[in-house]
PDB file of all heavy atoms in Angstrom:
ATOM      1  N   PHE A   1       0.854  -1.172   0.000  1.00  0.00           N
ATOM      2  CA  PHE A   1       0.000   0.000   0.000  1.00  0.00           C
ATOM      3  C   PHE A   1       0.894   1.227   0.000  1.00  0.00           C
ATOM      4  O   PHE A   1       2.076   1.141   0.317  1.00  0.00           O
ATOM      5  CB  PHE A   1      -0.901   0.032   1.236  1.00  0.00           C
ATOM      6  CG  PHE A   1      -1.962  -1.033   1.276  1.00  0.00           C
ATOM      7  CD1 PHE A   1      -1.637  -2.361   1.533  1.00  0.00           C
ATOM      8  CD2 PHE A   1      -3.296  -0.699   1.079  1.00  0.00           C
ATOM      9  CE1 PHE A   1      -2.619  -3.336   1.577  1.00  0.00           C
ATOM     10  CE2 PHE A   1      -4.287  -1.668   1.124  1.00  0.00           C
ATOM     11  CZ  PHE A   1      -3.943  -2.986   1.376  1.00  0.00           C
ATOM     12  N   ARG A   2       0.312   2.364  -0.321  1.00  0.00           N
ATOM     13  CA  ARG A   2       1.066   3.608  -0.224  1.00  0.00           C
ATOM     14  C   ARG A   2       0.140   4.732   0.214  1.00  0.00           C
ATOM     15  O   ARG A   2      -1.066   4.692  -0.001  1.00  0.00           O
ATOM     16  CB  ARG A   2       1.749   3.965  -1.543  1.00  0.00           C
ATOM     17  CG  ARG A   2       0.807   4.349  -2.666  1.00  0.00           C
ATOM     18  CD  ARG A   2       1.590   4.549  -3.957  1.00  0.00           C
ATOM     19  NE  ARG A   2       0.734   5.000  -5.047  1.00  0.00           N
ATOM     20  CZ  ARG A   2       1.126   5.117  -6.304  1.00  0.00           C
ATOM     21  NH1 ARG A   2       2.386   4.818  -6.642  1.00  0.00           N
ATOM     22  NH2 ARG A   2       0.278   5.532  -7.232  1.00  0.00           N
ATOM     23  N   GLN A   3       0.736   5.733   0.831  1.00  0.00           N
ATOM     24  CA  GLN A   3      -0.025   6.886   1.265  1.00  0.00           C
ATOM     25  C   GLN A   3       0.831   8.138   1.167  1.00  0.00           C
ATOM     26  O   GLN A   3       1.924   8.200   1.724  1.00  0.00           O
ATOM     27  CB  GLN A   3      -0.530   6.713   2.694  1.00  0.00           C
ATOM     28  CG  GLN A   3      -1.481   7.808   3.140  1.00  0.00           C
ATOM     29  CD  GLN A   3      -2.189   7.474   4.437  1.00  0.00           C
ATOM     30  OE1 GLN A   3      -1.690   6.701   5.250  1.00  0.00           O
ATOM     31  NE2 GLN A   3      -3.359   8.052   4.630  1.00  0.00           N
ATOM     32  N   ALA A   4       0.320   9.119   0.459  1.00  0.00           N
ATOM     33  CA  ALA A   4       0.964  10.417   0.349  1.00  0.00           C
ATOM     34  C   ALA A   4       0.300  11.372   1.328  1.00  0.00           C
ATOM     35  O   ALA A   4      -0.868  11.195   1.686  1.00  0.00           O
ATOM     36  CB  ALA A   4       0.850  10.948  -1.073  1.00  0.00           C
ATOM     37  N   PRO A   5       1.011  12.395   1.774  1.00  0.00           N
ATOM     38  CA  PRO A   5       0.427  13.354   2.714  1.00  0.00           C
ATOM     39  C   PRO A   5      -0.870  13.950   2.192  1.00  0.00           C
ATOM     40  O   PRO A   5      -0.947  14.384   1.045  1.00  0.00           O
ATOM     41  CB  PRO A   5       1.515  14.424   2.839  1.00  0.00           C
ATOM     42  CG  PRO A   5       2.781  13.695   2.554  1.00  0.00           C
ATOM     43  CD  PRO A   5       2.418  12.712   1.474  1.00  0.00           C
ATOM     44  N   GLY A   6      -1.896  13.948   3.035  1.00  0.00           N
ATOM     45  CA  GLY A   6      -3.179  14.517   2.666  1.00  0.00           C
ATOM     46  C   GLY A   6      -4.032  13.661   1.757  1.00  0.00           C
ATOM     47  O   GLY A   6      -5.099  14.105   1.326  1.00  0.00           O
ATOM     48  N   LYS A   7      -3.586  12.463   1.464  1.00  0.00           N
ATOM     49  CA  LYS A   7      -4.330  11.583   0.582  1.00  0.00           C
ATOM     50  C   LYS A   7      -4.683  10.274   1.280  1.00  0.00           C
ATOM     51  O   LYS A   7      -4.078   9.907   2.283  1.00  0.00           O
ATOM     52  CB  LYS A   7      -3.531  11.289  -0.687  1.00  0.00           C
ATOM     53  CG  LYS A   7      -3.270  12.511  -1.556  1.00  0.00           C
ATOM     54  CD  LYS A   7      -2.578  12.137  -2.841  1.00  0.00           C
ATOM     55  CE  LYS A   7      -2.369  13.349  -3.719  1.00  0.00           C
ATOM     56  NZ  LYS A   7      -1.696  12.985  -4.999  1.00  0.00           N
ATOM     57  N   GLU A   8      -5.667   9.593   0.725  1.00  0.00           N
ATOM     58  CA  GLU A   8      -6.079   8.301   1.255  1.00  0.00           C
ATOM     59  C   GLU A   8      -5.026   7.245   0.973  1.00  0.00           C
ATOM     60  O   GLU A   8      -4.314   7.299  -0.033  1.00  0.00           O
ATOM     61  CB  GLU A   8      -7.408   7.874   0.634  1.00  0.00           C
ATOM     62  CG  GLU A   8      -8.582   8.774   0.963  1.00  0.00           C
ATOM     63  CD  GLU A   8      -9.109   8.546   2.353  1.00  0.00           C
ATOM     64  OE1 GLU A   8      -8.889   7.454   2.919  1.00  0.00           O
ATOM     65  OE2 GLU A   8      -9.750   9.461   2.898  1.00  0.00           O
ATOM     66  N   ARG A   9      -4.950   6.285   1.860  1.00  0.00           N
ATOM     67  CA  ARG A   9      -4.109   5.127   1.619  1.00  0.00           C
ATOM     68  C   ARG A   9      -4.665   4.363   0.428  1.00  0.00           C
ATOM     69  O   ARG A   9      -5.883   4.171   0.314  1.00  0.00           O
ATOM     70  CB  ARG A   9      -4.082   4.226   2.859  1.00  0.00           C
ATOM     71  CG  ARG A   9      -3.265   2.961   2.720  1.00  0.00           C
ATOM     72  CD  ARG A   9      -3.310   2.159   4.004  1.00  0.00           C
ATOM     73  NE  ARG A   9      -4.673   1.819   4.370  1.00  0.00           N
ATOM     74  CZ  ARG A   9      -5.028   1.339   5.555  1.00  0.00           C
ATOM     75  NH1 ARG A   9      -4.113   1.157   6.496  1.00  0.00           N
ATOM     76  NH2 ARG A   9      -6.301   1.061   5.803  1.00  0.00           N
ATOM     77  N   GLU A  10      -3.799   3.924  -0.460  1.00  0.00           N
ATOM     78  CA  GLU A  10      -4.259   3.207  -1.627  1.00  0.00           C
ATOM     79  C   GLU A  10      -3.500   1.895  -1.818  1.00  0.00           C
ATOM     80  O   GLU A  10      -2.327   1.780  -1.466  1.00  0.00           O
ATOM     81  CB  GLU A  10      -4.140   4.066  -2.888  1.00  0.00           C
ATOM     82  CG  GLU A  10      -2.729   4.453  -3.263  1.00  0.00           C
ATOM     83  CD  GLU A  10      -2.666   5.218  -4.574  1.00  0.00           C
ATOM     84  OE1 GLU A  10      -3.518   4.973  -5.458  1.00  0.00           O
ATOM     85  OE2 GLU A  10      -1.759   6.061  -4.717  1.00  0.00           O
ATOM     86  N   LYS A  11      -4.198   0.941  -2.367  1.00  0.00           N
ATOM     87  CA  LYS A  11      -3.589  -0.338  -2.692  1.00  0.00           C
ATOM     88  C   LYS A  11      -2.685  -0.189  -3.900  1.00  0.00           C
ATOM     89  O   LYS A  11      -3.021   0.521  -4.843  1.00  0.00           O
ATOM     90  CB  LYS A  11      -4.672  -1.379  -2.978  1.00  0.00           C
ATOM     91  CG  LYS A  11      -5.528  -1.722  -1.775  1.00  0.00           C
ATOM     92  CD  LYS A  11      -6.620  -2.726  -2.135  1.00  0.00           C
ATOM     93  CE  LYS A  11      -7.695  -2.089  -2.985  1.00  0.00           C
ATOM     94  NZ  LYS A  11      -8.835  -3.031  -3.237  1.00  0.00           N
ATOM     95  N   VAL A  12      -1.558  -0.851  -3.859  1.00  0.00           N
ATOM     96  CA  VAL A  12      -0.626  -0.836  -4.975  1.00  0.00           C
ATOM     97  C   VAL A  12      -0.611  -2.190  -5.671  1.00  0.00           C
ATOM     98  O   VAL A  12      -0.771  -2.281  -6.886  1.00  0.00           O
ATOM     99  CB  VAL A  12       0.793  -0.456  -4.519  1.00  0.00           C
ATOM    100  CG1 VAL A  12       1.762  -0.509  -5.696  1.00  0.00           C
ATOM    101  CG2 VAL A  12       0.793   0.925  -3.881  1.00  0.00           C
ATOM    102  N   ALA A  13      -0.416  -3.253  -4.899  1.00  0.00           N
ATOM    103  CA  ALA A  13      -0.341  -4.586  -5.471  1.00  0.00           C
ATOM    104  C   ALA A  13      -0.521  -5.625  -4.379  1.00  0.00           C
ATOM    105  O   ALA A  13      -0.262  -5.364  -3.206  1.00  0.00           O
ATOM    106  CB  ALA A  13       0.996  -4.807  -6.179  1.00  0.00           C
ATOM    107  N   VAL A  14      -0.960  -6.810  -4.771  1.00  0.00           N
ATOM    108  CA  VAL A  14      -1.109  -7.920  -3.837  1.00  0.00           C
ATOM    109  C   VAL A  14      -0.607  -9.192  -4.503  1.00  0.00           C
ATOM    110  O   VAL A  14      -0.700  -9.341  -5.726  1.00  0.00           O
ATOM    111  CB  VAL A  14      -2.579  -8.073  -3.372  1.00  0.00           C
ATOM    112  CG1 VAL A  14      -3.496  -8.413  -4.541  1.00  0.00           C
ATOM    113  CG2 VAL A  14      -2.701  -9.104  -2.256  1.00  0.00           C
ATOM    114  N   ILE A  15      -0.070 -10.084  -3.704  1.00  0.00           N
ATOM    115  CA  ILE A  15       0.400 -11.369  -4.199  1.00  0.00           C
ATOM    116  C   ILE A  15      -0.119 -12.455  -3.262  1.00  0.00           C
ATOM    117  O   ILE A  15      -0.097 -12.302  -2.037  1.00  0.00           O
ATOM    118  CB  ILE A  15       1.940 -11.388  -4.329  1.00  0.00           C
ATOM    119  CG1 ILE A  15       2.416 -12.676  -5.003  1.00  0.00           C
ATOM    120  CG2 ILE A  15       2.625 -11.176  -2.982  1.00  0.00           C
ATOM    121  CD1 ILE A  15       3.872 -12.598  -5.474  1.00  0.00           C
ATOM    122  N   TYR A  16      -0.603 -13.543  -3.830  1.00  0.00           N
ATOM    123  CA  TYR A  16      -1.203 -14.586  -3.025  1.00  0.00           C
ATOM    124  C   TYR A  16      -1.118 -15.929  -3.741  1.00  0.00           C
ATOM    125  O   TYR A  16      -0.513 -16.028  -4.804  1.00  0.00           O
ATOM    126  CB  TYR A  16      -2.652 -14.226  -2.672  1.00  0.00           C
ATOM    127  CG  TYR A  16      -3.585 -14.061  -3.855  1.00  0.00           C
ATOM    128  CD1 TYR A  16      -4.536 -15.031  -4.153  1.00  0.00           C
ATOM    129  CD2 TYR A  16      -3.527 -12.929  -4.663  1.00  0.00           C
ATOM    130  CE1 TYR A  16      -5.400 -14.872  -5.226  1.00  0.00           C
ATOM    131  CE2 TYR A  16      -4.377 -12.768  -5.739  1.00  0.00           C
ATOM    132  CZ  TYR A  16      -5.313 -13.746  -6.016  1.00  0.00           C
ATOM    133  OH  TYR A  16      -6.172 -13.595  -7.080  1.00  0.00           O
ATOM    134  N   SER A  17      -1.744 -16.935  -3.143  1.00  0.00           N
ATOM    135  CA  SER A  17      -1.684 -18.310  -3.663  1.00  0.00           C
ATOM    136  C   SER A  17      -0.245 -18.755  -3.850  1.00  0.00           C
ATOM    137  O   SER A  17       0.140 -19.286  -4.891  1.00  0.00           O
ATOM    138  CB  SER A  17      -2.463 -18.429  -4.976  1.00  0.00           C
ATOM    139  OG  SER A  17      -3.840 -18.205  -4.769  1.00  0.00           O
ATOM    140  N   GLY A  18       0.547 -18.548  -2.813  1.00  0.00           N
ATOM    141  CA  GLY A  18       1.938 -18.964  -2.852  1.00  0.00           C
ATOM    142  C   GLY A  18       2.791 -18.164  -3.813  1.00  0.00           C
ATOM    143  O   GLY A  18       3.899 -18.593  -4.154  1.00  0.00           O
ATOM    144  N   GLY A  19       2.286 -17.019  -4.252  1.00  0.00           N
ATOM    145  CA  GLY A  19       3.005 -16.192  -5.194  1.00  0.00           C
ATOM    146  C   GLY A  19       2.616 -16.421  -6.638  1.00  0.00           C
ATOM    147  O   GLY A  19       3.189 -15.810  -7.542  1.00  0.00           O
ATOM    148  N   LEU A  20       1.637 -17.285  -6.867  1.00  0.00           N
ATOM    149  CA  LEU A  20       1.215 -17.611  -8.221  1.00  0.00           C
ATOM    150  C   LEU A  20       0.258 -16.586  -8.816  1.00  0.00           C
ATOM    151  O   LEU A  20       0.121 -16.523 -10.039  1.00  0.00           O
ATOM    152  CB  LEU A  20       0.545 -18.987  -8.251  1.00  0.00           C
ATOM    153  CG  LEU A  20       1.428 -20.171  -7.856  1.00  0.00           C
ATOM    154  CD1 LEU A  20       0.610 -21.451  -7.871  1.00  0.00           C
ATOM    155  CD2 LEU A  20       2.614 -20.295  -8.795  1.00  0.00           C
ATOM    156  N   ARG A  21      -0.388 -15.813  -7.960  1.00  0.00           N
ATOM    157  CA  ARG A  21      -1.371 -14.847  -8.437  1.00  0.00           C
ATOM    158  C   ARG A  21      -1.035 -13.451  -7.928  1.00  0.00           C
ATOM    159  O   ARG A  21      -0.556 -13.290  -6.805  1.00  0.00           O
ATOM    160  CB  ARG A  21      -2.770 -15.243  -7.985  1.00  0.00           C
ATOM    161  CG  ARG A  21      -3.210 -16.607  -8.498  1.00  0.00           C
ATOM    162  CD  ARG A  21      -4.614 -16.934  -8.036  1.00  0.00           C
ATOM    163  NE  ARG A  21      -5.015 -18.278  -8.412  1.00  0.00           N
ATOM    164  CZ  ARG A  21      -5.533 -18.610  -9.585  1.00  0.00           C
ATOM    165  NH1 ARG A  21      -5.739 -17.667 -10.509  1.00  0.00           N
ATOM    166  NH2 ARG A  21      -5.861 -19.867  -9.840  1.00  0.00           N
ATOM    167  N   THR A  22      -1.316 -12.461  -8.752  1.00  0.00           N
ATOM    168  CA  THR A  22      -1.056 -11.072  -8.399  1.00  0.00           C
ATOM    169  C   THR A  22      -2.185 -10.182  -8.881  1.00  0.00           C
ATOM    170  O   THR A  22      -2.961 -10.543  -9.759  1.00  0.00           O
ATOM    171  CB  THR A  22       0.257 -10.566  -9.009  1.00  0.00           C
ATOM    172  OG1 THR A  22       0.200 -10.685 -10.438  1.00  0.00           O
ATOM    173  CG2 THR A  22       1.446 -11.371  -8.493  1.00  0.00           C
ATOM    174  N   ASN A  23      -2.266  -9.005  -8.297  1.00  0.00           N
ATOM    175  CA  ASN A  23      -3.223  -8.003  -8.718  1.00  0.00           C
ATOM    176  C   ASN A  23      -2.595  -6.632  -8.514  1.00  0.00           C
ATOM    177  O   ASN A  23      -1.934  -6.395  -7.500  1.00  0.00           O
ATOM    178  CB  ASN A  23      -4.525  -8.126  -7.916  1.00  0.00           C
ATOM    179  CG  ASN A  23      -5.572  -7.115  -8.344  1.00  0.00           C
ATOM    180  OD1 ASN A  23      -5.617  -5.998  -7.830  1.00  0.00           O
ATOM    181  ND2 ASN A  23      -6.411  -7.505  -9.282  1.00  0.00           N
ATOM    182  N   TYR A  24      -2.796  -5.731  -9.474  1.00  0.00           N
ATOM    183  CA  TYR A  24      -2.191  -4.412  -9.421  1.00  0.00           C
ATOM    184  C   TYR A  24      -3.229  -3.315  -9.541  1.00  0.00           C
ATOM    185  O   TYR A  24      -4.226  -3.459 -10.257  1.00  0.00           O
ATOM    186  CB  TYR A  24      -1.194  -4.227 -10.561  1.00  0.00           C
ATOM    187  CG  TYR A  24      -0.004  -5.143 -10.517  1.00  0.00           C
ATOM    188  CD1 TYR A  24      -0.029  -6.379 -11.146  1.00  0.00           C
ATOM    189  CD2 TYR A  24       1.155  -4.760  -9.844  1.00  0.00           C
ATOM    190  CE1 TYR A  24       1.064  -7.224 -11.108  1.00  0.00           C
ATOM    191  CE2 TYR A  24       2.256  -5.595  -9.803  1.00  0.00           C
ATOM    192  CZ  TYR A  24       2.208  -6.823 -10.438  1.00  0.00           C
ATOM    193  OH  TYR A  24       3.301  -7.652 -10.397  1.00  0.00           O
ATOM    194  N   ALA A  25      -2.964  -2.218  -8.862  1.00  0.00           N
ATOM    195  CA  ALA A  25      -3.748  -1.017  -9.091  1.00  0.00           C
ATOM    196  C   ALA A  25      -3.469  -0.515 -10.501  1.00  0.00           C
ATOM    197  O   ALA A  25      -2.395  -0.757 -11.056  1.00  0.00           O
ATOM    198  CB  ALA A  25      -3.381   0.056  -8.070  1.00  0.00           C
ATOM    199  N   ASP A  26      -4.437   0.191 -11.069  1.00  0.00           N
ATOM    200  CA  ASP A  26      -4.253   0.704 -12.426  1.00  0.00           C
ATOM    201  C   ASP A  26      -3.004   1.579 -12.539  1.00  0.00           C
ATOM    202  O   ASP A  26      -2.316   1.558 -13.560  1.00  0.00           O
ATOM    203  CB  ASP A  26      -5.486   1.499 -12.862  1.00  0.00           C
ATOM    204  CG  ASP A  26      -6.685   0.614 -13.132  1.00  0.00           C
ATOM    205  OD1 ASP A  26      -6.509  -0.598 -13.335  1.00  0.00           O
ATOM    206  OD2 ASP A  26      -7.813   1.146 -13.144  1.00  0.00           O
ATOM    207  N   SER A  27      -2.713   2.326 -11.500  1.00  0.00           N
ATOM    208  CA  SER A  27      -1.557   3.216 -11.522  1.00  0.00           C
ATOM    209  C   SER A  27      -0.233   2.466 -11.550  1.00  0.00           C
ATOM    210  O   SER A  27       0.796   3.047 -11.915  1.00  0.00           O
ATOM    211  CB  SER A  27      -1.589   4.147 -10.311  1.00  0.00           C
ATOM    212  OG  SER A  27      -1.553   3.411  -9.103  1.00  0.00           O
ATOM    213  N   ALA A  28      -0.256   1.193 -11.155  1.00  0.00           N
ATOM    214  CA  ALA A  28       0.965   0.406 -11.075  1.00  0.00           C
ATOM    215  C   ALA A  28       1.149  -0.543 -12.248  1.00  0.00           C
ATOM    216  O   ALA A  28       2.278  -0.990 -12.508  1.00  0.00           O
ATOM    217  CB  ALA A  28       0.980  -0.396  -9.779  1.00  0.00           C
ATOM    218  N   LYS A  29       0.086  -0.848 -12.944  1.00  0.00           N
ATOM    219  CA  LYS A  29       0.155  -1.821 -14.025  1.00  0.00           C
ATOM    220  C   LYS A  29       1.145  -1.407 -15.098  1.00  0.00           C
ATOM    221  O   LYS A  29       1.164  -0.264 -15.537  1.00  0.00           O
ATOM    222  CB  LYS A  29      -1.231  -2.006 -14.651  1.00  0.00           C
ATOM    223  CG  LYS A  29      -2.224  -2.711 -13.761  1.00  0.00           C
ATOM    224  CD  LYS A  29      -3.586  -2.828 -14.442  1.00  0.00           C
ATOM    225  CE  LYS A  29      -4.584  -3.526 -13.541  1.00  0.00           C
ATOM    226  NZ  LYS A  29      -5.935  -3.590 -14.160  1.00  0.00           N
ATOM    227  N   GLY A  30       1.975  -2.357 -15.484  1.00  0.00           N
ATOM    228  CA  GLY A  30       2.949  -2.112 -16.531  1.00  0.00           C
ATOM    229  C   GLY A  30       4.239  -1.489 -16.057  1.00  0.00           C
ATOM    230  O   GLY A  30       5.217  -1.467 -16.808  1.00  0.00           O
ATOM    231  N   ARG A  31       4.263  -0.981 -14.840  1.00  0.00           N
ATOM    232  CA  ARG A  31       5.465  -0.342 -14.302  1.00  0.00           C
ATOM    233  C   ARG A  31       6.013  -1.032 -13.064  1.00  0.00           C
ATOM    234  O   ARG A  31       7.223  -1.048 -12.856  1.00  0.00           O
ATOM    235  CB  ARG A  31       5.189   1.128 -13.969  1.00  0.00           C
ATOM    236  CG  ARG A  31       4.769   1.970 -15.161  1.00  0.00           C
ATOM    237  CD  ARG A  31       4.709   3.451 -14.792  1.00  0.00           C
ATOM    238  NE  ARG A  31       3.748   3.700 -13.725  1.00  0.00           N
ATOM    239  CZ  ARG A  31       4.044   4.280 -12.569  1.00  0.00           C
ATOM    240  NH1 ARG A  31       5.280   4.690 -12.316  1.00  0.00           N
ATOM    241  NH2 ARG A  31       3.097   4.478 -11.655  1.00  0.00           N
ATOM    242  N   PHE A  32       5.117  -1.567 -12.244  1.00  0.00           N
ATOM    243  CA  PHE A  32       5.524  -2.196 -10.992  1.00  0.00           C
ATOM    244  C   PHE A  32       5.361  -3.709 -11.090  1.00  0.00           C
ATOM    245  O   PHE A  32       4.451  -4.208 -11.760  1.00  0.00           O
ATOM    246  CB  PHE A  32       4.669  -1.699  -9.821  1.00  0.00           C
ATOM    247  CG  PHE A  32       4.838  -0.240  -9.479  1.00  0.00           C
ATOM    248  CD1 PHE A  32       5.654   0.599 -10.216  1.00  0.00           C
ATOM    249  CD2 PHE A  32       4.155   0.283  -8.392  1.00  0.00           C
ATOM    250  CE1 PHE A  32       5.801   1.941  -9.892  1.00  0.00           C
ATOM    251  CE2 PHE A  32       4.288   1.620  -8.050  1.00  0.00           C
ATOM    252  CZ  PHE A  32       5.112   2.448  -8.802  1.00  0.00           C
ATOM    253  N   THR A  33       6.220  -4.425 -10.388  1.00  0.00           N
ATOM    254  CA  THR A  33       6.136  -5.875 -10.338  1.00  0.00           C
ATOM    255  C   THR A  33       6.279  -6.338  -8.894  1.00  0.00           C
ATOM    256  O   THR A  33       7.278  -6.038  -8.236  1.00  0.00           O
ATOM    257  CB  THR A  33       7.226  -6.538 -11.188  1.00  0.00           C
ATOM    258  OG1 THR A  33       7.116  -6.098 -12.547  1.00  0.00           O
ATOM    259  CG2 THR A  33       7.073  -8.057 -11.153  1.00  0.00           C
ATOM    260  N   ILE A  34       5.285  -7.067  -8.412  1.00  0.00           N
ATOM    261  CA  ILE A  34       5.342  -7.625  -7.068  1.00  0.00           C
ATOM    262  C   ILE A  34       5.802  -9.074  -7.168  1.00  0.00           C
ATOM    263  O   ILE A  34       5.425  -9.796  -8.090  1.00  0.00           O
ATOM    264  CB  ILE A  34       3.969  -7.518  -6.360  1.00  0.00           C
ATOM    265  CG1 ILE A  34       4.080  -7.916  -4.887  1.00  0.00           C
ATOM    266  CG2 ILE A  34       2.904  -8.344  -7.065  1.00  0.00           C
ATOM    267  CD1 ILE A  34       2.822  -7.608  -4.078  1.00  0.00           C
TER     268      ILE A  34
END
């Protein structure tokens, strides 16, 4: 997760099922890798 001053905490990415599955926020897709 991430939070900037004055802004809501937002989800960035999650990894589960032993690392086999992932999900990204739209802002992170294509740039971030969990």
